[in-house]
C-alpha atoms as a PDB file:
ATOM      1  CA  MET A   1      -9.466  -1.751  16.600  1.00  0.00           C
ATOM      2  CA  VAL A   2      -5.888  -3.237  16.497  1.00  0.00           C
ATOM      3  CA  GLU A   3      -5.303  -1.483  13.170  1.00  0.00           C
ATOM      4  CA  ARG A   4      -6.014   1.964  14.792  1.00  0.00           C
ATOM      5  CA  ALA A   5      -3.936   1.243  17.731  1.00  0.00           C
ATOM      6  CA  ASP A   6      -1.008   0.141  15.481  1.00  0.00           C
ATOM      7  CA  PHE A   7      -1.312   3.433  13.388  1.00  0.00           C
ATOM      8  CA  ARG A   8      -1.378   5.534  16.468  1.00  0.00           C
ATOM      9  CA  GLN A   9       1.835   3.983  17.715  1.00  0.00           C
ATOM     10  CA  PHE A  10       3.348   4.363  14.395  1.00  0.00           C
ATOM     11  CA  TYR A  11       2.384   7.946  14.151  1.00  0.00           C
ATOM     12  CA  ARG A  12       3.824   8.734  17.680  1.00  0.00           C
ATOM     13  CA  ASP A  13       7.088   6.965  16.738  1.00  0.00           C
ATOM     14  CA  ALA A  14       7.256   8.700  13.405  1.00  0.00           C
ATOM     15  CA  HIS A  15       6.822  12.040  14.961  1.00  0.00           C
ATOM     16  CA  ALA A  16       9.324  11.340  17.639  1.00  0.00           C
ATOM     17  CA  VAL A  17      12.251  11.307  14.912  1.00  0.00           C
ATOM     18  CA  GLU A  18      14.637  14.264  15.424  1.00  0.00           C
ATOM     19  CA  ASN A  19      16.066  13.929  11.884  1.00  0.00           C
ATOM     20  CA  LEU A  20      13.159  15.636  10.417  1.00  0.00           C
ATOM     21  CA  SER A  21      11.991  19.252  10.929  1.00  0.00           C
ATOM     22  CA  GLU A  22       8.394  20.104  11.707  1.00  0.00           C
ATOM     23  CA  ARG A  23       8.024  21.488   8.298  1.00  0.00           C
ATOM     24  CA  GLU A  24       9.113  18.180   6.727  1.00  0.00           C
ATOM     25  CA  LYS A  25       6.744  16.239   8.832  1.00  0.00           C
ATOM     26  CA  ILE A  26       3.747  18.495   7.732  1.00  0.00           C
ATOM     27  CA  LEU A  27       4.709  18.140   3.998  1.00  0.00           C
ATOM     28  CA  MET A  28       4.904  14.447   4.354  1.00  0.00           C
ATOM     29  CA  GLY A  29       1.492  14.321   5.866  1.00  0.00           C
ATOM     30  CA  LEU A  30      -0.070  16.518   3.146  1.00  0.00           C
ATOM     31  CA  ALA A  31       1.694  14.329   0.602  1.00  0.00           C
ATOM     32  CA  VAL A  32       0.030  11.115   2.089  1.00  0.00           C
ATOM     33  CA  ALA A  33      -3.345  12.913   2.152  1.00  0.00           C
ATOM     34  CA  MET A  34      -3.178  13.919  -1.495  1.00  0.00           C
ATOM     35  CA  VAL A  35      -2.080  10.313  -2.599  1.00  0.00           C
ATOM     36  CA  ARG A  36      -4.840   8.800  -0.462  1.00  0.00           C
ATOM     37  CA  ASN A  37      -7.302  11.220  -2.092  1.00  0.00           C
ATOM     38  CA  CYS A  38      -8.474  12.524   1.415  1.00  0.00           C
ATOM     39  CA  GLN A  39     -11.297  15.063   1.341  1.00  0.00           C
ATOM     40  CA  PRO A  40     -10.891  18.193   3.547  1.00  0.00           C
END
């Protein structure tokens, strides 16, 4: 489960950045989900 723990730390670090608005963070998340072909 090291991969999952690494991702969680990355996710926390990425959302801690104050240079991005909440809207930009959500849009990037949607873009990644679309590229990865995630199903709702």
